[in-house]
N, C-alpha and C. Protein backbone atom coordinates (compact mmCIF):
# COMPACT_ATOMS: atom_id res chain seq x y z
N ALA A 1 -13.49 24.32 -124.90
CA ALA A 1 -14.83 24.87 -124.99
C ALA A 1 -14.96 26.18 -124.22
N GLU A 2 -14.20 26.32 -123.14
CA GLU A 2 -14.31 27.54 -122.33
C GLU A 2 -13.47 28.67 -122.89
N HIS A 3 -12.58 28.39 -123.81
CA HIS A 3 -11.72 29.42 -124.39
C HIS A 3 -11.68 29.28 -125.91
N PRO A 4 -12.82 29.48 -126.59
CA PRO A 4 -12.85 29.28 -128.04
C PRO A 4 -11.92 30.22 -128.80
N GLU A 5 -11.63 31.38 -128.22
CA GLU A 5 -10.74 32.33 -128.91
C GLU A 5 -9.29 31.86 -128.90
N ARG A 6 -8.98 30.85 -128.07
CA ARG A 6 -7.63 30.30 -128.01
C ARG A 6 -7.61 28.84 -128.45
N THR A 7 -8.57 28.48 -129.28
CA THR A 7 -8.70 27.10 -129.71
C THR A 7 -8.62 27.02 -131.23
N VAL A 8 -7.87 26.06 -131.72
CA VAL A 8 -7.75 25.82 -133.16
C VAL A 8 -8.39 24.47 -133.45
N ARG A 9 -9.21 24.45 -134.48
CA ARG A 9 -9.85 23.21 -134.90
C ARG A 9 -9.38 22.85 -136.31
N SER A 10 -9.11 21.57 -136.52
CA SER A 10 -8.80 21.02 -137.85
C SER A 10 -7.64 21.74 -138.56
N ALA A 11 -6.54 21.92 -137.86
CA ALA A 11 -5.37 22.55 -138.49
C ALA A 11 -4.86 21.74 -139.67
N LYS A 12 -5.14 20.46 -139.67
CA LYS A 12 -4.68 19.58 -140.75
C LYS A 12 -5.22 20.04 -142.11
N ARG A 13 -6.40 20.65 -142.10
CA ARG A 13 -7.00 21.14 -143.34
C ARG A 13 -6.18 22.26 -143.98
N LYS A 14 -5.41 22.95 -143.18
CA LYS A 14 -4.64 24.10 -143.67
C LYS A 14 -3.16 23.77 -143.89
N MET A 15 -2.76 22.53 -143.65
CA MET A 15 -1.35 22.18 -143.80
C MET A 15 -0.88 22.48 -145.23
N GLY A 16 0.31 23.08 -145.32
CA GLY A 16 0.89 23.38 -146.62
C GLY A 16 0.38 24.65 -147.25
N GLN A 17 -0.50 25.37 -146.56
CA GLN A 17 -1.05 26.63 -147.09
C GLN A 17 -0.45 27.82 -146.35
N GLU A 18 -0.44 28.95 -147.02
CA GLU A 18 -0.04 30.19 -146.36
C GLU A 18 -1.22 30.67 -145.53
N PHE A 19 -1.23 30.30 -144.26
CA PHE A 19 -2.34 30.62 -143.39
C PHE A 19 -1.79 30.86 -142.00
N GLN A 20 -2.43 31.76 -141.27
CA GLN A 20 -2.01 32.05 -139.92
C GLN A 20 -3.22 32.01 -138.99
N TYR A 21 -3.07 31.32 -137.86
CA TYR A 21 -4.08 31.35 -136.81
C TYR A 21 -3.69 32.43 -135.82
N LEU A 22 -4.64 33.22 -135.37
CA LEU A 22 -4.39 34.22 -134.34
C LEU A 22 -4.89 33.66 -133.03
N ILE A 23 -3.97 33.38 -132.12
CA ILE A 23 -4.31 32.82 -130.82
C ILE A 23 -3.75 33.78 -129.78
N GLY A 24 -4.64 34.53 -129.14
CA GLY A 24 -4.19 35.59 -128.24
C GLY A 24 -3.43 36.61 -129.05
N ASP A 25 -2.17 36.83 -128.71
CA ASP A 25 -1.34 37.77 -129.48
C ASP A 25 -0.32 37.03 -130.35
N ARG A 26 -0.46 35.71 -130.46
CA ARG A 26 0.46 34.91 -131.26
C ARG A 26 -0.16 34.56 -132.60
N ARG A 27 0.66 34.55 -133.63
CA ARG A 27 0.26 34.08 -134.95
C ARG A 27 1.00 32.78 -135.21
N LEU A 28 0.23 31.74 -135.53
CA LEU A 28 0.81 30.43 -135.74
C LEU A 28 0.41 29.87 -137.10
N ALA A 29 1.38 29.29 -137.79
CA ALA A 29 1.11 28.59 -139.05
C ALA A 29 0.54 27.21 -138.70
N PRO A 30 -0.15 26.57 -139.64
CA PRO A 30 -0.71 25.24 -139.37
C PRO A 30 0.33 24.23 -138.89
N GLU A 31 1.54 24.29 -139.46
CA GLU A 31 2.56 23.33 -139.02
C GLU A 31 3.03 23.60 -137.60
N GLU A 32 2.95 24.86 -137.15
CA GLU A 32 3.30 25.17 -135.76
C GLU A 32 2.23 24.64 -134.81
N VAL A 33 0.97 24.73 -135.22
CA VAL A 33 -0.11 24.16 -134.41
C VAL A 33 0.06 22.65 -134.36
N SER A 34 0.35 22.02 -135.50
CA SER A 34 0.56 20.58 -135.54
C SER A 34 1.76 20.17 -134.69
N ALA A 35 2.79 21.00 -134.65
CA ALA A 35 3.95 20.71 -133.81
C ALA A 35 3.54 20.68 -132.34
N GLU A 36 2.65 21.58 -131.93
CA GLU A 36 2.16 21.58 -130.54
C GLU A 36 1.41 20.29 -130.24
N VAL A 37 0.61 19.83 -131.20
CA VAL A 37 -0.12 18.57 -131.02
C VAL A 37 0.87 17.41 -130.91
N LEU A 38 1.86 17.38 -131.80
CA LEU A 38 2.86 16.32 -131.76
C LEU A 38 3.65 16.33 -130.45
N LEU A 39 3.96 17.53 -129.94
CA LEU A 39 4.66 17.63 -128.65
C LEU A 39 3.82 17.04 -127.53
N ALA A 40 2.52 17.34 -127.54
CA ALA A 40 1.62 16.80 -126.51
C ALA A 40 1.56 15.27 -126.60
N LEU A 41 1.49 14.74 -127.83
CA LEU A 41 1.47 13.29 -128.02
C LEU A 41 2.79 12.67 -127.57
N LYS A 42 3.89 13.33 -127.89
CA LYS A 42 5.21 12.85 -127.49
C LYS A 42 5.31 12.77 -125.97
N ARG A 43 4.91 13.85 -125.29
CA ARG A 43 4.97 13.87 -123.82
C ARG A 43 4.09 12.77 -123.22
N GLY A 44 2.89 12.60 -123.77
CA GLY A 44 2.00 11.56 -123.27
C GLY A 44 2.58 10.17 -123.45
N ALA A 45 3.16 9.93 -124.64
CA ALA A 45 3.76 8.62 -124.92
C ALA A 45 4.96 8.39 -124.01
N GLU A 46 5.80 9.41 -123.83
CA GLU A 46 6.97 9.26 -122.96
C GLU A 46 6.55 8.96 -121.52
N SER A 47 5.52 9.65 -121.07
CA SER A 47 5.02 9.42 -119.71
C SER A 47 4.49 8.00 -119.56
N SER A 48 3.77 7.55 -120.57
CA SER A 48 3.17 6.22 -120.52
C SER A 48 4.21 5.11 -120.64
N LEU A 49 5.19 5.31 -121.53
CA LEU A 49 6.20 4.28 -121.78
C LEU A 49 7.38 4.33 -120.82
N GLY A 50 7.61 5.50 -120.23
CA GLY A 50 8.71 5.64 -119.27
C GLY A 50 10.07 5.85 -119.90
N HIS A 51 10.12 6.25 -121.17
CA HIS A 51 11.40 6.59 -121.80
C HIS A 51 11.19 7.64 -122.88
N LEU A 52 12.30 8.27 -123.28
CA LEU A 52 12.24 9.34 -124.27
C LEU A 52 11.92 8.78 -125.66
N ILE A 53 11.25 9.61 -126.44
CA ILE A 53 10.91 9.25 -127.82
C ILE A 53 11.51 10.29 -128.74
N SER A 54 12.20 9.84 -129.78
CA SER A 54 12.75 10.78 -130.75
C SER A 54 12.40 10.38 -132.19
N ASP A 55 12.45 9.09 -132.49
CA ASP A 55 12.17 8.62 -133.85
C ASP A 55 10.69 8.27 -133.99
N VAL A 56 10.06 8.81 -135.04
CA VAL A 56 8.62 8.58 -135.22
C VAL A 56 8.28 8.36 -136.69
N VAL A 57 7.15 7.73 -136.91
CA VAL A 57 6.51 7.65 -138.22
C VAL A 57 5.20 8.40 -138.07
N ILE A 58 4.92 9.32 -138.96
CA ILE A 58 3.69 10.12 -138.90
C ILE A 58 2.81 9.72 -140.08
N THR A 59 1.53 9.49 -139.79
CA THR A 59 0.59 9.17 -140.87
C THR A 59 -0.04 10.44 -141.41
N VAL A 60 -0.30 10.42 -142.72
CA VAL A 60 -0.93 11.56 -143.40
C VAL A 60 -1.99 11.03 -144.37
N PRO A 61 -2.97 11.86 -144.70
CA PRO A 61 -3.94 11.43 -145.72
C PRO A 61 -3.21 11.07 -147.01
N ALA A 62 -3.69 10.05 -147.70
CA ALA A 62 -3.03 9.57 -148.91
C ALA A 62 -3.00 10.64 -150.00
N TYR A 63 -3.97 11.54 -150.00
CA TYR A 63 -4.04 12.55 -151.06
C TYR A 63 -3.24 13.80 -150.73
N PHE A 64 -2.56 13.85 -149.58
CA PHE A 64 -1.73 15.01 -149.25
C PHE A 64 -0.72 15.23 -150.37
N ASP A 65 -0.61 16.47 -150.82
CA ASP A 65 0.35 16.79 -151.88
C ASP A 65 1.72 17.08 -151.26
N ASP A 66 2.67 17.44 -152.10
CA ASP A 66 4.04 17.64 -151.64
C ASP A 66 4.16 18.75 -150.60
N SER A 67 3.46 19.87 -150.79
CA SER A 67 3.56 20.96 -149.82
C SER A 67 2.94 20.58 -148.47
N GLN A 68 1.87 19.80 -148.49
CA GLN A 68 1.26 19.33 -147.25
C GLN A 68 2.17 18.34 -146.53
N ARG A 69 2.85 17.52 -147.29
CA ARG A 69 3.78 16.56 -146.69
C ARG A 69 5.01 17.29 -146.12
N ARG A 70 5.52 18.28 -146.85
CA ARG A 70 6.65 19.06 -146.33
C ARG A 70 6.26 19.78 -145.04
N ALA A 71 5.04 20.33 -145.00
CA ALA A 71 4.57 21.02 -143.78
C ALA A 71 4.47 20.03 -142.62
N THR A 72 4.06 18.80 -142.89
CA THR A 72 3.97 17.78 -141.84
C THR A 72 5.36 17.42 -141.33
N LEU A 73 6.32 17.29 -142.25
CA LEU A 73 7.71 17.04 -141.84
C LEU A 73 8.23 18.18 -140.99
N LYS A 74 7.91 19.41 -141.37
CA LYS A 74 8.34 20.58 -140.61
C LYS A 74 7.73 20.57 -139.21
N ALA A 75 6.46 20.18 -139.10
CA ALA A 75 5.81 20.09 -137.80
C ALA A 75 6.56 19.11 -136.90
N GLY A 76 6.94 17.97 -137.45
CA GLY A 76 7.72 17.00 -136.68
C GLY A 76 9.05 17.57 -136.24
N GLU A 77 9.69 18.28 -137.15
CA GLU A 77 10.98 18.91 -136.83
C GLU A 77 10.81 19.96 -135.72
N LEU A 78 9.77 20.79 -135.84
CA LEU A 78 9.51 21.81 -134.81
C LEU A 78 9.22 21.18 -133.45
N ALA A 79 8.68 19.97 -133.46
CA ALA A 79 8.39 19.27 -132.22
C ALA A 79 9.62 18.54 -131.67
N GLY A 80 10.75 18.65 -132.38
CA GLY A 80 11.98 18.00 -131.93
C GLY A 80 12.01 16.51 -132.21
N LEU A 81 11.25 16.08 -133.21
CA LEU A 81 11.17 14.67 -133.54
C LEU A 81 11.98 14.35 -134.79
N ASN A 82 12.49 13.15 -134.86
CA ASN A 82 13.16 12.66 -136.05
C ASN A 82 12.12 11.84 -136.82
N VAL A 83 11.58 12.43 -137.89
CA VAL A 83 10.53 11.76 -138.65
C VAL A 83 11.19 10.79 -139.62
N LEU A 84 11.07 9.51 -139.32
CA LEU A 84 11.68 8.49 -140.15
C LEU A 84 10.96 8.34 -141.48
N ARG A 85 9.64 8.54 -141.41
CA ARG A 85 8.84 8.34 -142.63
C ARG A 85 7.46 8.93 -142.44
N LEU A 86 6.89 9.39 -143.55
CA LEU A 86 5.47 9.72 -143.59
C LEU A 86 4.78 8.51 -144.22
N LEU A 87 3.75 8.02 -143.56
CA LEU A 87 3.04 6.84 -144.03
C LEU A 87 1.60 7.22 -144.33
N ASN A 88 1.13 6.83 -145.50
CA ASN A 88 -0.27 7.12 -145.85
C ASN A 88 -1.20 6.41 -144.87
N GLU A 89 -2.23 7.13 -144.44
CA GLU A 89 -3.15 6.59 -143.44
C GLU A 89 -3.79 5.27 -143.87
N PRO A 90 -4.23 5.12 -145.13
CA PRO A 90 -4.80 3.82 -145.50
C PRO A 90 -3.79 2.68 -145.40
N THR A 91 -2.55 2.96 -145.72
CA THR A 91 -1.51 1.93 -145.60
C THR A 91 -1.33 1.55 -144.14
N SER A 92 -1.34 2.54 -143.28
CA SER A 92 -1.25 2.29 -141.85
C SER A 92 -2.42 1.43 -141.38
N ALA A 93 -3.62 1.76 -141.84
CA ALA A 93 -4.80 0.97 -141.46
C ALA A 93 -4.67 -0.47 -141.95
N SER A 94 -4.12 -0.66 -143.14
CA SER A 94 -3.98 -2.02 -143.68
C SER A 94 -2.97 -2.82 -142.85
N LEU A 95 -1.96 -2.17 -142.29
CA LEU A 95 -1.00 -2.86 -141.42
C LEU A 95 -1.69 -3.36 -140.16
N VAL A 96 -2.56 -2.53 -139.61
CA VAL A 96 -3.33 -2.95 -138.42
C VAL A 96 -4.27 -4.09 -138.79
N TYR A 97 -4.90 -3.98 -139.95
CA TYR A 97 -5.79 -5.04 -140.44
C TYR A 97 -5.04 -6.37 -140.51
N ASP A 98 -3.81 -6.33 -141.02
CA ASP A 98 -3.00 -7.55 -141.10
C ASP A 98 -2.77 -8.14 -139.71
N GLN A 99 -2.52 -7.28 -138.73
CA GLN A 99 -2.26 -7.75 -137.36
C GLN A 99 -3.49 -8.39 -136.75
N LEU A 100 -4.68 -7.88 -137.11
CA LEU A 100 -5.92 -8.39 -136.54
C LEU A 100 -6.49 -9.58 -137.30
N SER A 101 -6.02 -9.77 -138.53
CA SER A 101 -6.53 -10.84 -139.37
C SER A 101 -6.11 -12.19 -138.79
N ALA A 102 -7.07 -13.10 -138.74
CA ALA A 102 -6.83 -14.40 -138.11
C ALA A 102 -5.98 -15.34 -138.97
N THR A 103 -6.12 -15.25 -140.28
CA THR A 103 -5.41 -16.19 -141.15
C THR A 103 -4.64 -15.46 -142.23
N ALA A 104 -3.52 -16.03 -142.59
CA ALA A 104 -2.74 -15.48 -143.71
C ALA A 104 -3.43 -15.90 -145.01
N ARG A 105 -3.42 -15.02 -145.97
CA ARG A 105 -4.09 -15.32 -147.25
C ARG A 105 -3.04 -15.59 -148.32
N ALA A 106 -3.26 -16.64 -149.08
CA ALA A 106 -2.33 -16.99 -150.15
C ALA A 106 -2.63 -16.19 -151.41
N GLU A 107 -3.87 -15.75 -151.55
CA GLU A 107 -4.29 -14.99 -152.73
C GLU A 107 -4.22 -13.50 -152.45
N PRO A 108 -4.02 -12.71 -153.50
CA PRO A 108 -4.05 -11.26 -153.31
C PRO A 108 -5.41 -10.82 -152.74
N GLU A 109 -5.38 -9.80 -151.93
CA GLU A 109 -6.61 -9.29 -151.32
C GLU A 109 -6.75 -7.82 -151.68
N ILE A 110 -7.97 -7.44 -152.05
CA ILE A 110 -8.25 -6.04 -152.35
C ILE A 110 -8.96 -5.45 -151.13
N LEU A 111 -8.42 -4.35 -150.62
CA LEU A 111 -9.00 -3.69 -149.45
C LEU A 111 -9.48 -2.30 -149.82
N LEU A 112 -10.64 -1.95 -149.33
CA LEU A 112 -11.12 -0.57 -149.41
C LEU A 112 -10.99 -0.01 -148.01
N VAL A 113 -10.18 1.03 -147.87
CA VAL A 113 -9.93 1.63 -146.56
C VAL A 113 -10.41 3.07 -146.60
N TYR A 114 -11.28 3.41 -145.65
CA TYR A 114 -11.67 4.81 -145.57
C TYR A 114 -11.40 5.34 -144.18
N ASP A 115 -11.05 6.60 -144.14
CA ASP A 115 -10.73 7.27 -142.89
C ASP A 115 -11.54 8.56 -142.85
N LEU A 116 -12.58 8.55 -142.07
CA LEU A 116 -13.39 9.74 -141.88
C LEU A 116 -12.99 10.32 -140.54
N GLY A 117 -12.07 11.28 -140.57
CA GLY A 117 -11.55 11.86 -139.35
C GLY A 117 -12.29 13.13 -138.98
N GLY A 118 -11.69 13.89 -138.09
CA GLY A 118 -12.31 15.13 -137.63
C GLY A 118 -12.38 16.18 -138.71
N GLY A 119 -11.36 16.24 -139.55
CA GLY A 119 -11.32 17.31 -140.54
C GLY A 119 -11.19 16.85 -141.97
N THR A 120 -10.83 15.58 -142.17
CA THR A 120 -10.58 15.12 -143.53
C THR A 120 -11.22 13.76 -143.77
N PHE A 121 -11.42 13.45 -145.04
CA PHE A 121 -11.98 12.15 -145.46
C PHE A 121 -11.05 11.58 -146.51
N ASP A 122 -10.68 10.33 -146.35
CA ASP A 122 -9.67 9.71 -147.19
C ASP A 122 -10.13 8.30 -147.55
N VAL A 123 -10.09 7.95 -148.83
CA VAL A 123 -10.48 6.62 -149.28
C VAL A 123 -9.39 6.07 -150.20
N SER A 124 -9.00 4.83 -149.96
CA SER A 124 -8.00 4.19 -150.82
C SER A 124 -8.38 2.74 -151.08
N VAL A 125 -8.01 2.27 -152.26
CA VAL A 125 -8.14 0.86 -152.61
C VAL A 125 -6.72 0.32 -152.68
N LEU A 126 -6.46 -0.72 -151.88
CA LEU A 126 -5.13 -1.31 -151.83
C LEU A 126 -5.20 -2.78 -152.22
N GLU A 127 -4.14 -3.25 -152.86
CA GLU A 127 -3.99 -4.68 -153.09
C GLU A 127 -2.88 -5.15 -152.16
N VAL A 128 -3.18 -6.20 -151.41
CA VAL A 128 -2.22 -6.74 -150.45
C VAL A 128 -1.90 -8.18 -150.87
N PHE A 129 -0.63 -8.44 -151.03
CA PHE A 129 -0.21 -9.79 -151.39
C PHE A 129 1.16 -10.05 -150.79
N GLU A 130 1.25 -11.10 -149.97
CA GLU A 130 2.51 -11.50 -149.34
C GLU A 130 3.19 -10.33 -148.65
N GLY A 131 2.41 -9.55 -147.92
CA GLY A 131 2.96 -8.46 -147.13
C GLY A 131 3.24 -7.17 -147.89
N VAL A 132 3.07 -7.19 -149.19
CA VAL A 132 3.30 -5.98 -150.00
C VAL A 132 1.96 -5.28 -150.21
N ARG A 133 1.95 -3.97 -149.99
CA ARG A 133 0.74 -3.17 -150.16
C ARG A 133 0.92 -2.24 -151.35
N GLU A 134 0.05 -2.37 -152.30
CA GLU A 134 0.08 -1.49 -153.47
C GLU A 134 -1.20 -0.68 -153.49
N VAL A 135 -1.04 0.64 -153.49
CA VAL A 135 -2.21 1.51 -153.55
C VAL A 135 -2.67 1.55 -155.00
N ARG A 136 -3.88 1.08 -155.23
CA ARG A 136 -4.45 1.05 -156.58
C ARG A 136 -5.12 2.38 -156.93
N SER A 137 -5.76 2.96 -155.93
CA SER A 137 -6.48 4.21 -156.16
C SER A 137 -6.66 4.91 -154.83
N THR A 138 -6.65 6.23 -154.88
CA THR A 138 -6.87 6.99 -153.66
C THR A 138 -7.55 8.30 -154.00
N SER A 139 -8.34 8.75 -153.08
CA SER A 139 -9.00 10.04 -153.23
C SER A 139 -9.37 10.54 -151.85
N GLY A 140 -9.75 11.77 -151.78
CA GLY A 140 -10.13 12.30 -150.48
C GLY A 140 -10.64 13.71 -150.59
N ASN A 141 -11.06 14.21 -149.46
CA ASN A 141 -11.58 15.57 -149.38
C ASN A 141 -11.06 16.17 -148.09
N SER A 142 -10.21 17.19 -148.22
CA SER A 142 -9.63 17.81 -147.03
C SER A 142 -10.59 18.78 -146.35
N SER A 143 -11.80 18.90 -146.89
CA SER A 143 -12.81 19.77 -146.28
C SER A 143 -14.06 19.01 -145.88
N LEU A 144 -13.90 17.72 -145.59
CA LEU A 144 -15.03 16.91 -145.14
C LEU A 144 -14.57 16.03 -144.01
N GLY A 145 -15.28 16.13 -142.90
CA GLY A 145 -14.93 15.30 -141.76
C GLY A 145 -15.95 15.46 -140.65
N GLY A 146 -15.65 14.90 -139.52
CA GLY A 146 -16.54 14.97 -138.37
C GLY A 146 -16.86 16.40 -137.96
N ASP A 147 -15.91 17.31 -138.14
CA ASP A 147 -16.16 18.73 -137.80
C ASP A 147 -17.30 19.29 -138.63
N ASP A 148 -17.43 18.82 -139.86
CA ASP A 148 -18.52 19.30 -140.73
C ASP A 148 -19.87 18.79 -140.24
N PHE A 149 -19.89 17.55 -139.74
CA PHE A 149 -21.12 17.02 -139.16
C PHE A 149 -21.49 17.82 -137.91
N ASP A 150 -20.45 18.14 -137.10
CA ASP A 150 -20.68 18.97 -135.91
C ASP A 150 -21.30 20.30 -136.31
N GLU A 151 -20.78 20.89 -137.37
CA GLU A 151 -21.26 22.21 -137.83
C GLU A 151 -22.72 22.14 -138.27
N LEU A 152 -23.09 21.07 -138.98
CA LEU A 152 -24.48 20.91 -139.40
C LEU A 152 -25.41 20.76 -138.20
N LEU A 153 -24.99 19.97 -137.22
CA LEU A 153 -25.80 19.83 -136.01
C LEU A 153 -25.89 21.15 -135.25
N LEU A 154 -24.78 21.88 -135.20
CA LEU A 154 -24.77 23.19 -134.53
C LEU A 154 -25.78 24.13 -135.19
N ARG A 155 -25.78 24.16 -136.53
CA ARG A 155 -26.76 25.01 -137.24
C ARG A 155 -28.19 24.59 -136.92
N ARG A 156 -28.41 23.29 -136.83
CA ARG A 156 -29.75 22.79 -136.49
C ARG A 156 -30.15 23.26 -135.09
N PHE A 157 -29.22 23.16 -134.13
CA PHE A 157 -29.49 23.62 -132.76
C PHE A 157 -29.81 25.11 -132.75
N LEU A 158 -29.02 25.89 -133.50
CA LEU A 158 -29.23 27.35 -133.54
C LEU A 158 -30.60 27.69 -134.14
N ASP A 159 -30.98 26.98 -135.20
CA ASP A 159 -32.30 27.21 -135.80
C ASP A 159 -33.41 26.88 -134.80
N GLU A 160 -33.25 25.76 -134.09
CA GLU A 160 -34.26 25.38 -133.10
C GLU A 160 -34.36 26.42 -131.99
N LEU A 161 -33.22 26.90 -131.52
CA LEU A 161 -33.23 27.92 -130.46
C LEU A 161 -33.86 29.22 -130.94
N ARG A 162 -33.51 29.61 -132.16
CA ARG A 162 -34.02 30.87 -132.71
C ARG A 162 -35.51 30.79 -132.99
N LEU A 163 -35.94 29.73 -133.65
CA LEU A 163 -37.34 29.60 -134.04
C LEU A 163 -38.24 29.13 -132.89
N GLY A 164 -37.75 28.18 -132.11
CA GLY A 164 -38.57 27.61 -131.04
C GLY A 164 -38.55 28.36 -129.74
N GLN A 165 -37.40 29.00 -129.45
CA GLN A 165 -37.24 29.66 -128.16
C GLN A 165 -37.07 31.18 -128.27
N GLY A 166 -36.87 31.67 -129.48
CA GLY A 166 -36.64 33.10 -129.66
C GLY A 166 -35.29 33.57 -129.12
N VAL A 167 -34.32 32.65 -129.09
CA VAL A 167 -32.99 32.95 -128.55
C VAL A 167 -31.96 32.75 -129.65
N ASP A 168 -31.01 33.69 -129.74
CA ASP A 168 -29.94 33.56 -130.72
C ASP A 168 -28.60 33.80 -130.02
N PRO A 169 -27.89 32.72 -129.65
CA PRO A 169 -26.64 32.86 -128.88
C PRO A 169 -25.38 33.09 -129.73
N ARG A 170 -25.53 33.42 -131.00
CA ARG A 170 -24.36 33.52 -131.89
C ARG A 170 -23.30 34.52 -131.43
N GLU A 171 -23.70 35.53 -130.70
CA GLU A 171 -22.74 36.54 -130.24
C GLU A 171 -22.06 36.16 -128.93
N ASP A 172 -22.53 35.11 -128.28
CA ASP A 172 -21.97 34.66 -127.00
C ASP A 172 -20.99 33.53 -127.28
N ARG A 173 -19.68 33.83 -127.22
CA ARG A 173 -18.66 32.86 -127.60
C ARG A 173 -18.70 31.60 -126.72
N ARG A 174 -18.93 31.79 -125.44
CA ARG A 174 -18.96 30.63 -124.54
C ARG A 174 -20.18 29.75 -124.80
N ALA A 175 -21.32 30.40 -125.03
CA ALA A 175 -22.53 29.63 -125.34
C ALA A 175 -22.32 28.86 -126.64
N MET A 176 -21.69 29.49 -127.62
CA MET A 176 -21.44 28.82 -128.89
C MET A 176 -20.48 27.64 -128.70
N ALA A 177 -19.48 27.83 -127.84
CA ALA A 177 -18.53 26.74 -127.57
C ALA A 177 -19.25 25.58 -126.90
N ARG A 178 -20.15 25.86 -125.98
CA ARG A 178 -20.91 24.80 -125.32
C ARG A 178 -21.82 24.08 -126.32
N LEU A 179 -22.46 24.86 -127.20
CA LEU A 179 -23.32 24.26 -128.22
C LEU A 179 -22.50 23.39 -129.18
N ARG A 180 -21.31 23.87 -129.53
CA ARG A 180 -20.44 23.10 -130.43
C ARG A 180 -20.05 21.78 -129.77
N ARG A 181 -19.72 21.83 -128.49
CA ARG A 181 -19.37 20.60 -127.76
C ARG A 181 -20.58 19.65 -127.71
N LEU A 182 -21.77 20.21 -127.48
CA LEU A 182 -22.99 19.41 -127.46
C LEU A 182 -23.24 18.77 -128.83
N ALA A 183 -22.96 19.51 -129.90
CA ALA A 183 -23.12 18.97 -131.25
C ALA A 183 -22.18 17.78 -131.45
N GLU A 184 -20.94 17.92 -131.01
CA GLU A 184 -20.00 16.82 -131.16
C GLU A 184 -20.43 15.60 -130.33
N GLU A 185 -20.86 15.84 -129.10
CA GLU A 185 -21.33 14.73 -128.26
C GLU A 185 -22.54 14.05 -128.88
N THR A 186 -23.43 14.84 -129.47
CA THR A 186 -24.62 14.29 -130.13
C THR A 186 -24.21 13.43 -131.32
N LYS A 187 -23.28 13.93 -132.13
CA LYS A 187 -22.79 13.16 -133.29
C LYS A 187 -22.21 11.83 -132.83
N ILE A 188 -21.42 11.85 -131.78
CA ILE A 188 -20.80 10.62 -131.28
C ILE A 188 -21.87 9.64 -130.80
N ARG A 189 -22.86 10.14 -130.08
CA ARG A 189 -23.95 9.26 -129.61
C ARG A 189 -24.74 8.69 -130.78
N LEU A 190 -24.90 9.48 -131.85
CA LEU A 190 -25.64 9.00 -133.02
C LEU A 190 -24.87 7.92 -133.80
N SER A 191 -23.62 7.69 -133.42
CA SER A 191 -22.87 6.59 -134.03
C SER A 191 -23.39 5.25 -133.56
N THR A 192 -24.02 5.22 -132.38
CA THR A 192 -24.54 3.96 -131.85
C THR A 192 -26.04 4.02 -131.58
N ASP A 193 -26.58 5.21 -131.34
CA ASP A 193 -28.01 5.36 -131.05
C ASP A 193 -28.74 5.89 -132.28
N THR A 194 -30.00 5.54 -132.42
CA THR A 194 -30.78 6.03 -133.56
C THR A 194 -31.48 7.35 -133.24
N ARG A 195 -31.51 7.71 -131.96
CA ARG A 195 -32.19 8.94 -131.55
C ARG A 195 -31.49 9.53 -130.34
N VAL A 196 -31.34 10.83 -130.32
CA VAL A 196 -30.72 11.52 -129.19
C VAL A 196 -31.59 12.72 -128.82
N GLU A 197 -31.91 12.86 -127.54
CA GLU A 197 -32.65 14.03 -127.06
C GLU A 197 -31.65 15.12 -126.70
């Protein structure tokens, strides 16, 4: 929030595209940004577990196309990881569901799994029977996620400031970063509260 000019949001939306982020004097492709995220996760996991990590499974939205998947594999490679497999996020969620489920089911089960993340929205219908997961249908939107809700709240805040207070902080990068953070915090609180001041 204090350095918005050196911050990248929702790089996953740009995976597999010819796109460059300008961060300071560096130009980074989306997979390079993702590699930095994977490196941070790797270091955190190694610190927590007390041993080195090299082999990983990375989850991706089910609707990711071939170029997006190749970019994700490249990100893992750039992070020094051996990517054993890319796993669709709904399939991953269904594996967790199986672990949390109290009873084994003898009949096939149809699951609707949705993942509304920070930058993307993913919905899949899976059939699960005797441990086998078959994706029946999948769809998604790589331009819809929590960041979009943050943006709508940010616009609302800006309108209120402009109309109610006669203030327009759009040219102040730090003020905008603080407002963006406030929008995200408000969105999170609205997940459990019906009203936020």
